[in-house]
Amino acid sequence: MKKNACLLPLFLLFFMAGALAQTVLTVPRNIEAAINKGSRTNEGVPGKNYWQNGADYTIRVHFNPDTRLVSGTESIVYFNHSPDTLTQLLFKVDANFYQKGAARADAVSAADLTDGETISNVMLNQTGFPVNGIPQGTNWRVPISKLLPGDSMKVSLDFSYTLNMGSHQRTGAIDSNAFFIAYFFPRIAVYDDLDKWNMFAYNGSQEFYNDFCNFSVDITAPKNFVVWATGDLKNGKEILGQKYSDRITAAEHSNALTKIIDSSDLISKDIAGQNATNTWTFQATHVTDFVFALSNHYLWYASSVEVDPGSKRRTRVDVAFNPKHKDYYEVINFARKTVDLMSYHYPKWPFPYPHETVFDGLDQMEYPMMVNDNPVPDRAFTIMLTDHEIFHTMFPFYMGVNETKYAWMDEGWATSGEWTLSPIIDTSIKDNYGMEAYDIVGGREQDPPIMSLSTNLTGVGYFLNSYPKPGLGYIYVQDMLGDDLFLKALHEYIRRWNGKHPMPLDFFNSMNAGSGRNMNWFWKRWFYDGGFPDLAIKSATNTGNQYEVTIENIGGKPLPVDLTIFFQDGTQQKIHRDVSCWEQNNRTTALSFSSSKNPVKLSLGALRVPDVNKKDNEWVFGSH
């Protein structure tokens, strides 16, 4: 009996360790249904029956800077690749964010309120469809007879609305002659294998979830206005003339700065064709959105980067800005360096698009091949803002995540990109974005698990779960795996899901597969479970020159352990343990060191290790 009693704890220990190693992540019923139908898998690869819908958009849009009227026509060919017969189309009319009476998370000035986006002359497969006034809200349902699996439908319509002058929410006037225009055309919403139609109405808070589509867009604007947009400019030589076209070509082949439009060019006013209006033609393939910006008084700086040494492919980087904003003169360097670092350092994947434009606007918002960034007075902030927004090129534009539901699948990556790239661009930067907020709110009611749907969150809870918390999760995994294995895992995820619509389990399972390690224990505790960041020095003992320090995980979140030892002679020693030291769900972990010098104090913590209670992070020898 005594022998068996001694063996029982050992048996339980091995049983518990095995159970922990086989942690199973919760699978919601709608995702389980998709797995059962073969569109998703438990292995993180798209299923044999994976599908996604898409469309070809041909848009002709006119913009009048004097009246701010946006008007145009739109022709759509929508492809139903789903196994379902569709009896309606759902359109996103996001310009109705500014409609009187619309549900909004942010206030809009009375001067910017409109009756909404007028939609008329709607044709479905060349059959007229009556529009009963202006659609109310940002969701517009259009009943159809049926759209069979594998079939397509042609839709055409006219649209118009007045662009907001103030209340800038990701789109609108910058000044009287500069404008950033997004969400201007009615688009068909995503119909996917998990939720069917994306019914969440845009309220200005949550971001977007769009299909990969092809765009051919003609933008008509008055003379002397230059237009920048998603996609490739197809008639640049016709619009801009030989001088400016040659400068663009030079920028596309050079690492050096090319001033495509300088202050002297603004004075000469010979930049765009001198017709009353000019029509700029852009084309973009397999992108999730299309936006454009224009101005008659912005400078245009450009350069390029070889992003793929194998094919020698280059990405042109453009910065369009008001010459009054002095911080913007350096943005071309920061933007170019970001594209270079993304291609060769992190995520170490060739920048996927032919150009990237940073536009001097009134927001901090990303779009395919475009960024709308406000000027800021601090150089470090300028760097962090620039690389954060450009990093979004990978997430959500190359990886078509549902940022409406899972903001952490794009903002968390952009945050980790900002933390990684900013100190390389400027070594003086110590970016602790979001750490103070997490220290204050961690473990409170406003701090739900990251896996909470973004559509259910507001305020600081939305911020923490979208930006710093997932960003920390990503860099903690990188620390645990090491750079090479982490990038191998990340590349596996990118290869599997670029140009598609990955969901959380697709990401977790792809990272497990790519690394060859089952990291479900971390995904569960960091992304699914409650808890909060709180480590403490529980004890420190020594026997001669041998010291043992016990660290307690009070909050339950797996955090790196960074201990600094301060010696009496003024020197320091640092000890680091990655998050795997908590893999067995242990409450404490021990650190050991030996030294013939006299330690006087221990300090726990690092720049990106939040802690809700730092009072127990120091240990002074002789005071305990």
Foldseek 3Di string as FASTA:
>chain_A
DVVVVVCVVVVVVVVLVVCLQVDDDDDDPLRVVLCVVQQPHLQLFGGPLNDWKEKAKEKEWEAELVQQKIKTKIKIKIWAQDQDKDFKWKKFQPQCLLEPPEAAPDDDDPVSRDPGKDKDQKAKQNHGDDDDTHDHAGIDMGGHRIAHNGGIIMIMIMIMDHFGPDPDLVWGNQHSFKTWHFSHDIDTAIQGSRPGGPPDTDRSPFDAFFAFYKYKYKYKYFALKDKDKFADWDCQCVFFNDLLVVQVVVQQPFQDKGWSFDQVNLVVSRGTDNDRMDIIIGIDGRWGTMIMMMGNAWTKMKHWDQLDVVVSQIAMEIETEHPVQVLSVCLRVLLRLLQNCVCCPVLVNRQDDRYAYEYAGDDLAEGASYGHDHRDDDNLVSSLSNNLRSQCNVPPTQQREGRQFQLQSRQLRSQLRSCPCSCVSPVVDLDLPPQVLQLACAPHPLAAFLNGTLNVHDDSSNVCSNHQLSNQLLVLVCVVLPVVQSSQLVVQLSVSGGSHYDDDSSSQSSSCVSNVGNPSLQCCQRHPDGFGFAKFFPDWDDDQQKIKTKIFGPGQHQAKKWKWWAFPVGDIDIDIDGSCQCSSVDGIGMDMDGDNTHTAKMAIDDSSRHHNDRPRRMDGPPPD
